[in-house]
N, C-alpha and C. Protein backbone atom coordinates (compact mmCIF):
# COMPACT_ATOMS: atom_id res chain seq x y z
N MET A 1 -42.97 -146.43 -23.18
CA MET A 1 -43.37 -146.25 -21.74
C MET A 1 -44.94 -146.00 -21.73
N LYS A 2 -45.73 -146.59 -20.99
CA LYS A 2 -47.02 -146.11 -20.79
C LYS A 2 -47.17 -145.67 -19.49
N THR A 3 -47.75 -144.58 -19.49
CA THR A 3 -48.10 -143.78 -18.05
C THR A 3 -49.16 -144.76 -17.31
N ASP A 4 -48.64 -145.20 -16.21
CA ASP A 4 -50.02 -145.71 -15.30
C ASP A 4 -50.90 -144.57 -14.41
N VAL A 5 -50.03 -144.02 -13.78
CA VAL A 5 -50.47 -142.99 -12.86
C VAL A 5 -49.69 -141.50 -12.89
N SER A 6 -50.38 -140.39 -12.99
CA SER A 6 -49.59 -139.28 -13.01
C SER A 6 -50.61 -138.31 -12.38
N ALA A 7 -49.91 -137.78 -11.28
CA ALA A 7 -50.60 -136.52 -10.28
C ALA A 7 -49.92 -135.47 -10.32
N SER A 8 -50.08 -134.17 -9.74
CA SER A 8 -49.77 -133.14 -10.03
C SER A 8 -50.66 -132.05 -9.14
N LEU A 9 -49.46 -130.98 -8.64
CA LEU A 9 -50.14 -129.89 -8.00
C LEU A 9 -49.76 -128.58 -8.51
N GLU A 10 -50.60 -127.58 -9.00
CA GLU A 10 -50.32 -126.74 -9.81
C GLU A 10 -50.40 -125.21 -9.24
N PHE A 11 -49.70 -124.44 -9.20
CA PHE A 11 -49.62 -123.08 -8.37
C PHE A 11 -49.76 -122.17 -9.45
N GLY A 12 -50.32 -120.95 -9.84
CA GLY A 12 -49.92 -119.91 -10.48
C GLY A 12 -50.72 -118.50 -9.73
N LEU A 13 -49.57 -117.41 -10.27
CA LEU A 13 -49.88 -116.43 -9.33
C LEU A 13 -49.69 -115.07 -10.74
N ARG A 14 -50.59 -114.48 -10.86
CA ARG A 14 -50.16 -113.45 -11.99
C ARG A 14 -49.94 -112.10 -11.26
N PHE A 15 -48.96 -111.21 -11.49
CA PHE A 15 -48.52 -110.16 -11.16
C PHE A 15 -49.28 -109.16 -11.99
N THR A 16 -49.51 -109.04 -13.12
CA THR A 16 -50.30 -107.87 -13.87
C THR A 16 -51.30 -108.97 -14.62
N GLU A 17 -52.03 -108.16 -15.51
CA GLU A 17 -53.18 -109.08 -16.09
C GLU A 17 -52.55 -110.11 -16.84
N HIS A 18 -51.55 -110.05 -17.60
CA HIS A 18 -51.10 -110.98 -18.53
C HIS A 18 -49.94 -111.53 -17.94
N VAL A 19 -49.03 -111.20 -16.99
CA VAL A 19 -48.34 -112.25 -16.45
C VAL A 19 -47.72 -112.50 -15.08
N GLY A 20 -47.02 -113.72 -14.73
CA GLY A 20 -47.01 -114.00 -13.70
C GLY A 20 -46.19 -115.45 -13.47
N ILE A 21 -46.22 -116.09 -12.64
CA ILE A 21 -45.42 -117.37 -12.14
C ILE A 21 -46.10 -118.40 -12.27
N ALA A 22 -45.77 -119.33 -12.61
CA ALA A 22 -46.33 -120.76 -12.65
C ALA A 22 -45.21 -121.83 -11.88
N ALA A 23 -45.72 -122.73 -11.08
CA ALA A 23 -45.43 -123.97 -10.50
C ALA A 23 -45.69 -124.99 -10.34
N LYS A 24 -45.23 -126.41 -10.19
CA LYS A 24 -45.83 -127.45 -10.51
C LYS A 24 -44.73 -128.55 -9.31
N GLY A 25 -45.74 -129.16 -8.86
CA GLY A 25 -45.03 -130.25 -8.10
C GLY A 25 -45.80 -131.93 -8.77
N TYR A 26 -45.22 -133.01 -8.89
CA TYR A 26 -45.71 -133.87 -9.98
C TYR A 26 -44.93 -135.17 -9.71
N LEU A 27 -45.76 -136.32 -9.69
CA LEU A 27 -45.38 -137.67 -9.58
C LEU A 27 -45.87 -138.66 -10.74
N ILE A 28 -44.82 -139.17 -11.34
CA ILE A 28 -45.32 -140.21 -12.52
C ILE A 28 -44.97 -141.59 -12.19
N ILE A 29 -45.84 -142.28 -12.28
CA ILE A 29 -45.50 -143.86 -12.18
C ILE A 29 -45.63 -144.49 -13.51
N ALA A 30 -44.70 -144.86 -14.18
CA ALA A 30 -44.57 -145.42 -15.65
C ALA A 30 -44.09 -146.84 -15.77
N GLU A 31 -44.93 -147.74 -16.68
CA GLU A 31 -44.38 -148.92 -16.84
C GLU A 31 -43.71 -149.26 -17.80
N GLN A 32 -42.32 -149.65 -17.82
CA GLN A 32 -41.41 -149.88 -18.89
C GLN A 32 -41.75 -151.32 -19.87
N LYS A 33 -41.91 -151.41 -20.95
CA LYS A 33 -42.37 -152.49 -21.57
C LYS A 33 -41.40 -152.94 -22.36
N GLU A 34 -40.29 -152.41 -22.66
CA GLU A 34 -39.14 -153.05 -23.39
C GLU A 34 -37.79 -152.36 -22.81
N SER A 35 -36.48 -153.23 -22.92
CA SER A 35 -35.28 -152.72 -22.10
C SER A 35 -34.10 -153.07 -22.78
N ASN A 36 -33.27 -152.47 -23.09
CA ASN A 36 -32.12 -153.00 -23.73
C ASN A 36 -31.13 -153.95 -22.43
N TYR A 37 -31.49 -153.84 -20.94
CA TYR A 37 -30.67 -154.20 -20.25
C TYR A 37 -31.46 -155.33 -19.53
N TYR A 38 -32.67 -155.55 -19.71
CA TYR A 38 -33.31 -156.80 -18.94
C TYR A 38 -34.33 -157.20 -19.71
N SER A 39 -34.89 -158.32 -19.66
CA SER A 39 -35.85 -158.85 -20.61
C SER A 39 -37.38 -158.95 -19.77
N GLU A 40 -37.23 -158.99 -18.38
CA GLU A 40 -38.86 -158.15 -17.74
C GLU A 40 -39.10 -156.70 -17.57
N ALA A 41 -40.33 -156.52 -17.63
CA ALA A 41 -40.82 -155.41 -17.57
C ALA A 41 -40.56 -154.64 -16.23
N GLY A 42 -40.43 -153.05 -15.97
CA GLY A 42 -40.24 -152.65 -14.67
C GLY A 42 -41.05 -151.47 -14.50
N SER A 43 -41.29 -150.87 -13.54
CA SER A 43 -41.61 -149.49 -13.51
C SER A 43 -40.93 -148.57 -12.57
N TRP A 44 -41.21 -147.20 -13.09
CA TRP A 44 -39.93 -146.38 -12.47
C TRP A 44 -41.14 -145.33 -12.23
N GLU A 45 -40.36 -144.42 -11.03
CA GLU A 45 -41.01 -143.30 -10.36
C GLU A 45 -40.38 -142.11 -10.90
N PHE A 46 -41.12 -141.01 -11.40
CA PHE A 46 -40.39 -139.62 -11.78
C PHE A 46 -41.11 -138.53 -10.78
N GLN A 47 -40.49 -137.96 -9.92
CA GLN A 47 -41.01 -136.93 -9.36
C GLN A 47 -40.32 -135.49 -9.52
N GLY A 48 -40.93 -134.43 -9.00
CA GLY A 48 -40.10 -133.26 -9.24
C GLY A 48 -40.49 -131.93 -8.88
N LEU A 49 -40.08 -130.88 -9.19
CA LEU A 49 -40.66 -129.68 -9.06
C LEU A 49 -40.10 -128.64 -10.09
N LEU A 50 -41.01 -127.86 -10.93
CA LEU A 50 -40.91 -126.95 -11.88
C LEU A 50 -41.43 -125.77 -11.79
N ALA A 51 -40.76 -124.82 -12.48
CA ALA A 51 -41.21 -123.40 -12.21
C ALA A 51 -41.04 -122.61 -13.46
N GLY A 52 -41.68 -121.57 -13.76
CA GLY A 52 -41.45 -120.58 -14.93
C GLY A 52 -42.56 -119.71 -15.07
N PRO A 53 -42.75 -118.85 -16.11
CA PRO A 53 -43.38 -117.83 -16.36
C PRO A 53 -44.92 -118.41 -16.63
N LEU A 54 -45.76 -117.35 -16.19
CA LEU A 54 -47.07 -117.51 -16.48
C LEU A 54 -47.73 -116.47 -17.30
N ILE A 55 -48.36 -116.80 -18.78
CA ILE A 55 -48.80 -115.87 -19.36
C ILE A 55 -50.14 -116.20 -20.06
N SER A 56 -50.74 -115.46 -19.45
CA SER A 56 -52.61 -115.67 -19.45
C SER A 56 -53.13 -114.16 -20.41
N PHE A 57 -54.13 -114.65 -21.37
CA PHE A 57 -55.06 -113.93 -22.14
C PHE A 57 -56.47 -114.07 -21.93
N ALA A 58 -57.08 -113.66 -21.60
CA ALA A 58 -58.82 -113.47 -21.42
C ALA A 58 -59.45 -113.26 -22.57
N LEU A 59 -59.77 -114.26 -23.00
CA LEU A 59 -60.63 -114.76 -24.34
C LEU A 59 -62.12 -113.92 -24.52
N ASN A 60 -62.62 -113.89 -22.94
CA ASN A 60 -63.69 -113.57 -23.11
C ASN A 60 -63.99 -113.30 -21.12
N ASP A 61 -65.19 -112.81 -20.85
CA ASP A 61 -65.10 -112.96 -19.31
C ASP A 61 -65.32 -114.23 -18.47
N ASN A 62 -65.42 -115.05 -19.34
CA ASN A 62 -65.62 -116.45 -18.72
C ASN A 62 -64.21 -117.36 -18.91
N ILE A 63 -63.66 -117.33 -19.78
CA ILE A 63 -62.62 -118.40 -20.56
C ILE A 63 -61.04 -117.47 -20.52
N GLU A 64 -60.12 -118.12 -20.02
CA GLU A 64 -58.84 -117.61 -20.10
C GLU A 64 -57.86 -118.37 -20.59
N TRP A 65 -56.94 -118.16 -21.38
CA TRP A 65 -56.02 -119.07 -22.18
C TRP A 65 -54.50 -118.89 -21.49
N ASP A 66 -53.75 -120.05 -20.90
CA ASP A 66 -52.63 -119.64 -20.16
C ASP A 66 -51.64 -120.50 -20.82
N LEU A 67 -50.44 -120.25 -20.93
CA LEU A 67 -49.18 -120.54 -21.53
C LEU A 67 -48.06 -120.78 -20.36
N ARG A 68 -47.82 -122.12 -20.52
CA ARG A 68 -46.55 -122.39 -18.94
C ARG A 68 -45.50 -123.12 -19.19
N PRO A 69 -44.43 -122.24 -19.82
CA PRO A 69 -43.22 -123.00 -20.10
C PRO A 69 -42.35 -122.67 -18.70
N MET A 70 -41.99 -124.29 -18.44
CA MET A 70 -41.50 -124.42 -17.17
C MET A 70 -40.26 -125.23 -17.21
N ILE A 71 -39.23 -125.09 -16.38
CA ILE A 71 -38.02 -125.84 -16.10
C ILE A 71 -37.78 -126.21 -14.52
N GLY A 72 -37.21 -127.24 -14.31
CA GLY A 72 -36.99 -127.72 -13.16
C GLY A 72 -36.14 -128.92 -13.13
N PHE A 73 -36.42 -129.84 -11.94
CA PHE A 73 -35.69 -131.06 -11.84
C PHE A 73 -36.52 -131.97 -11.65
N CYS A 74 -35.93 -133.32 -12.12
CA CYS A 74 -36.73 -134.74 -12.03
C CYS A 74 -35.88 -135.83 -11.15
N THR A 75 -36.14 -136.47 -10.27
CA THR A 75 -35.79 -137.19 -9.94
C THR A 75 -36.36 -138.59 -10.22
N MET A 76 -35.53 -139.85 -10.26
CA MET A 76 -36.02 -141.12 -10.88
C MET A 76 -35.52 -142.01 -9.81
N ALA A 77 -36.51 -142.95 -9.62
CA ALA A 77 -36.09 -144.26 -8.72
C ALA A 77 -36.90 -145.59 -9.15
N ASP A 78 -36.73 -146.65 -9.09
CA ASP A 78 -37.25 -148.01 -9.30
C ASP A 78 -38.49 -147.99 -8.60
N ALA A 79 -39.56 -148.57 -8.91
CA ALA A 79 -40.63 -148.99 -8.17
C ALA A 79 -40.32 -150.01 -7.28
N ALA A 80 -40.89 -150.30 -6.36
CA ALA A 80 -40.63 -151.57 -5.51
C ALA A 80 -40.74 -152.88 -6.15
N TYR A 81 -41.64 -153.04 -6.83
CA TYR A 81 -41.46 -154.05 -7.83
C TYR A 81 -40.94 -154.36 -9.21
N SER A 82 -40.01 -153.46 -9.56
CA SER A 82 -38.95 -153.30 -10.42
C SER A 82 -37.88 -154.39 -10.22
N PRO A 83 -37.63 -155.06 -11.26
CA PRO A 83 -36.54 -156.38 -11.34
C PRO A 83 -35.17 -155.79 -11.10
N ILE A 84 -34.73 -154.76 -11.05
CA ILE A 84 -33.62 -153.96 -11.05
C ILE A 84 -33.46 -153.08 -10.21
N GLU A 85 -32.70 -152.60 -9.36
CA GLU A 85 -32.38 -151.43 -8.19
C GLU A 85 -31.60 -150.49 -8.55
N ILE A 86 -32.03 -149.30 -8.63
CA ILE A 86 -30.88 -148.10 -9.17
C ILE A 86 -30.68 -147.03 -7.90
N GLU A 87 -29.77 -146.33 -7.97
CA GLU A 87 -29.66 -145.43 -7.02
C GLU A 87 -30.38 -144.01 -7.54
N ASP A 88 -30.99 -143.23 -6.50
CA ASP A 88 -31.92 -142.17 -6.84
C ASP A 88 -31.11 -140.88 -7.76
N VAL A 89 -31.62 -140.35 -8.85
CA VAL A 89 -30.84 -139.67 -9.77
C VAL A 89 -31.62 -138.58 -10.28
N ALA A 90 -31.15 -137.58 -10.29
CA ALA A 90 -31.78 -136.43 -10.57
C ALA A 90 -31.09 -135.74 -12.09
N SER A 91 -32.14 -135.13 -12.70
CA SER A 91 -31.94 -134.48 -13.85
C SER A 91 -32.61 -133.21 -14.25
N LEU A 92 -32.47 -132.66 -15.13
CA LEU A 92 -33.06 -131.34 -16.04
C LEU A 92 -34.45 -131.64 -16.63
N ALA A 93 -35.71 -131.17 -16.06
CA ALA A 93 -36.80 -131.38 -16.71
C ALA A 93 -37.35 -130.31 -17.27
N LEU A 94 -37.96 -130.41 -18.44
CA LEU A 94 -39.10 -129.17 -19.15
C LEU A 94 -40.34 -129.64 -19.32
N ASN A 95 -41.31 -128.63 -19.33
CA ASN A 95 -42.77 -128.72 -19.57
C ASN A 95 -43.17 -127.62 -20.22
N LEU A 96 -43.78 -128.04 -21.08
CA LEU A 96 -44.29 -127.03 -22.08
C LEU A 96 -45.94 -127.18 -21.51
N GLY A 97 -46.73 -126.51 -21.25
CA GLY A 97 -47.86 -126.44 -20.71
C GLY A 97 -49.04 -125.29 -21.15
N THR A 98 -50.10 -125.75 -21.84
CA THR A 98 -51.09 -124.87 -21.95
C THR A 98 -52.56 -125.09 -21.27
N SER A 99 -53.09 -124.01 -20.99
CA SER A 99 -54.41 -124.47 -20.33
C SER A 99 -55.55 -123.59 -20.74
N PHE A 100 -56.90 -124.00 -21.03
CA PHE A 100 -58.04 -123.11 -21.19
C PHE A 100 -58.78 -123.33 -19.75
N ARG A 101 -58.72 -121.88 -19.23
CA ARG A 101 -59.62 -121.89 -17.89
C ARG A 101 -61.04 -121.70 -18.17
N PHE A 102 -62.24 -122.32 -17.82
CA PHE A 102 -63.38 -121.86 -17.70
C PHE A 102 -63.91 -121.43 -16.48
N ASN A 103 -63.99 -120.36 -16.08
CA ASN A 103 -64.29 -119.36 -14.78
C ASN A 103 -66.05 -119.78 -14.56
N ILE A 104 -65.95 -120.36 -13.29
CA ILE A 104 -67.30 -120.70 -12.77
C ILE A 104 -67.59 -119.92 -11.55
N GLY A 105 -68.35 -118.94 -11.51
CA GLY A 105 -68.32 -118.00 -10.44
C GLY A 105 -67.19 -117.07 -10.06
N GLY A 106 -66.79 -116.76 -8.97
CA GLY A 106 -65.89 -115.47 -8.58
C GLY A 106 -64.54 -116.32 -8.43
N ARG A 107 -64.45 -117.73 -7.64
CA ARG A 107 -63.25 -118.56 -7.30
C ARG A 107 -63.14 -119.53 -7.93
N VAL A 108 -63.81 -120.37 -8.41
CA VAL A 108 -63.70 -121.52 -9.14
C VAL A 108 -63.44 -121.71 -10.50
N ALA A 109 -62.43 -122.24 -11.18
CA ALA A 109 -62.30 -122.50 -12.50
C ALA A 109 -61.95 -124.25 -12.95
N ILE A 110 -62.84 -124.64 -13.87
CA ILE A 110 -62.47 -125.69 -14.57
C ILE A 110 -61.40 -125.60 -15.62
N PRO A 111 -60.12 -126.31 -15.40
CA PRO A 111 -59.10 -126.21 -16.53
C PRO A 111 -59.28 -127.26 -17.54
N ILE A 112 -58.84 -127.23 -18.74
CA ILE A 112 -58.48 -128.08 -19.79
C ILE A 112 -57.09 -128.04 -19.91
N ASN A 113 -56.12 -128.84 -19.33
CA ASN A 113 -54.49 -128.66 -19.55
C ASN A 113 -53.79 -129.50 -20.58
N ILE A 114 -53.16 -129.26 -21.53
CA ILE A 114 -52.19 -129.89 -22.14
C ILE A 114 -50.67 -129.52 -21.81
N ASP A 115 -50.07 -130.57 -21.25
CA ASP A 115 -48.76 -130.58 -21.03
C ASP A 115 -47.73 -131.56 -21.63
N TYR A 116 -46.49 -130.86 -22.05
CA TYR A 116 -45.42 -131.85 -22.71
C TYR A 116 -44.31 -131.79 -21.71
N PHE A 117 -43.93 -132.95 -21.13
CA PHE A 117 -42.94 -133.17 -20.28
C PHE A 117 -41.65 -133.71 -20.89
N SER A 118 -40.66 -133.67 -20.49
CA SER A 118 -39.56 -134.08 -21.08
C SER A 118 -38.35 -134.14 -19.98
N THR A 119 -37.50 -135.08 -20.20
CA THR A 119 -36.42 -135.68 -19.31
C THR A 119 -35.44 -136.65 -20.03
N GLU A 120 -34.12 -136.21 -19.68
CA GLU A 120 -33.26 -137.55 -20.24
C GLU A 120 -32.40 -137.54 -18.77
N ILE A 121 -32.53 -138.84 -18.28
CA ILE A 121 -31.90 -139.50 -17.31
C ILE A 121 -30.88 -140.21 -17.39
N ALA A 122 -29.63 -140.59 -16.72
CA ALA A 122 -28.34 -141.56 -16.83
C ALA A 122 -27.97 -141.49 -15.44
N ALA A 123 -28.01 -142.88 -15.24
CA ALA A 123 -27.80 -143.49 -13.85
C ALA A 123 -27.08 -144.74 -14.05
N THR A 124 -26.53 -145.01 -12.89
CA THR A 124 -25.61 -146.53 -12.81
C THR A 124 -26.99 -147.43 -11.83
N THR A 125 -26.63 -148.72 -12.17
CA THR A 125 -27.62 -149.35 -11.24
C THR A 125 -26.44 -149.71 -10.28
N LEU A 126 -27.30 -150.24 -9.13
CA LEU A 126 -26.44 -150.80 -8.17
C LEU A 126 -25.38 -152.01 -8.59
N GLY A 127 -25.51 -152.30 -9.84
CA GLY A 127 -24.35 -153.08 -10.22
C GLY A 127 -23.35 -152.39 -11.08
N TYR A 128 -23.26 -152.54 -12.18
CA TYR A 128 -22.29 -151.94 -13.11
C TYR A 128 -22.79 -151.18 -14.18
N ASN A 129 -24.22 -151.73 -14.64
CA ASN A 129 -24.98 -151.04 -15.86
C ASN A 129 -24.85 -149.57 -15.61
N ARG A 130 -24.53 -149.25 -17.16
CA ARG A 130 -25.27 -147.73 -17.02
C ARG A 130 -26.62 -147.73 -17.74
N LEU A 131 -27.57 -146.90 -17.39
CA LEU A 131 -28.81 -146.93 -17.60
C LEU A 131 -29.06 -145.25 -18.32
N GLU A 132 -29.76 -145.39 -19.54
CA GLU A 132 -29.94 -144.11 -19.80
C GLU A 132 -31.54 -143.94 -20.41
N MET A 133 -32.31 -142.76 -20.23
CA MET A 133 -33.68 -142.95 -20.30
C MET A 133 -34.02 -141.64 -20.89
N ASN A 134 -34.82 -141.73 -21.53
CA ASN A 134 -35.45 -140.28 -22.19
C ASN A 134 -37.21 -140.63 -21.85
N ALA A 135 -37.49 -139.86 -21.11
CA ALA A 135 -38.81 -139.68 -20.57
C ALA A 135 -39.64 -138.85 -21.22
N ASN A 136 -40.76 -138.83 -22.22
CA ASN A 136 -41.41 -137.85 -22.84
C ASN A 136 -42.96 -138.24 -22.75
N TYR A 137 -43.63 -137.25 -22.14
CA TYR A 137 -45.10 -137.64 -21.93
C TYR A 137 -46.05 -136.16 -22.54
N LEU A 138 -47.01 -136.71 -22.73
CA LEU A 138 -47.78 -135.61 -23.30
C LEU A 138 -49.34 -136.26 -22.61
N ASN A 139 -49.54 -135.01 -21.72
CA ASN A 139 -50.85 -135.01 -20.66
C ASN A 139 -51.88 -134.04 -21.01
N ILE A 140 -52.80 -134.74 -20.88
CA ILE A 140 -54.18 -134.21 -20.94
C ILE A 140 -54.93 -134.24 -19.82
N THR A 141 -54.95 -133.28 -19.08
CA THR A 141 -55.70 -133.32 -17.86
C THR A 141 -56.58 -132.39 -17.36
N THR A 142 -57.45 -132.46 -16.31
CA THR A 142 -58.55 -131.48 -16.05
C THR A 142 -58.63 -131.47 -14.40
N GLY A 143 -59.05 -130.76 -13.68
CA GLY A 143 -59.49 -130.48 -12.39
C GLY A 143 -60.17 -129.54 -12.00
N ILE A 144 -59.89 -128.86 -10.71
CA ILE A 144 -60.41 -127.73 -10.30
C ILE A 144 -59.12 -126.85 -9.86
N TYR A 145 -59.52 -125.55 -10.08
CA TYR A 145 -58.50 -124.49 -9.66
C TYR A 145 -59.57 -123.51 -8.92
N ILE A 146 -58.82 -123.34 -7.81
CA ILE A 146 -59.45 -122.57 -6.64
C ILE A 146 -58.49 -120.93 -7.06
N ARG A 147 -59.44 -119.67 -7.28
CA ARG A 147 -59.19 -118.39 -7.51
C ARG A 147 -59.13 -117.93 -6.49
N PHE A 148 -58.00 -117.04 -5.70
CA PHE A 148 -57.96 -116.17 -4.79
C PHE A 148 -58.37 -114.68 -5.22
N LYS A 149 -58.53 -114.50 -6.19
CA LYS A 149 -59.02 -113.22 -6.28
C LYS A 149 -60.46 -112.64 -6.25
N GLY A 150 -60.77 -111.31 -5.98
CA GLY A 150 -62.01 -111.07 -5.37
C GLY A 150 -62.82 -110.79 -6.51
């Protein structure tokens, strides 16, 4: 599979200097190039929520390193232009992530994130075929973090 679109909204809250909680909502639209079930390519939507511990280390005054192992759920549906239709299905999802945050001023940080996402999905198409899919993604992203500390 090749990822065409990936978007997420992430949240992190530290309770102590090094430990907190992380959460993530995501949407991935992926194009399938090959299939054992049909010859045409199709597109799939994966969306869900993940949560887990946040472990943070200050490397210096302006750079922090975060580890975010998360577990949650993933739902999958075929995109509107997919050649087959399936019922919505949910599965367990895992995300192993790390970030280097470059703090700019008191409230803004620019991260470089590396996340490995994995889920295994089994579903029945609206006919009789059983569909099993492993989705594994390595995402390298950046964005803007708003920090609410003083």
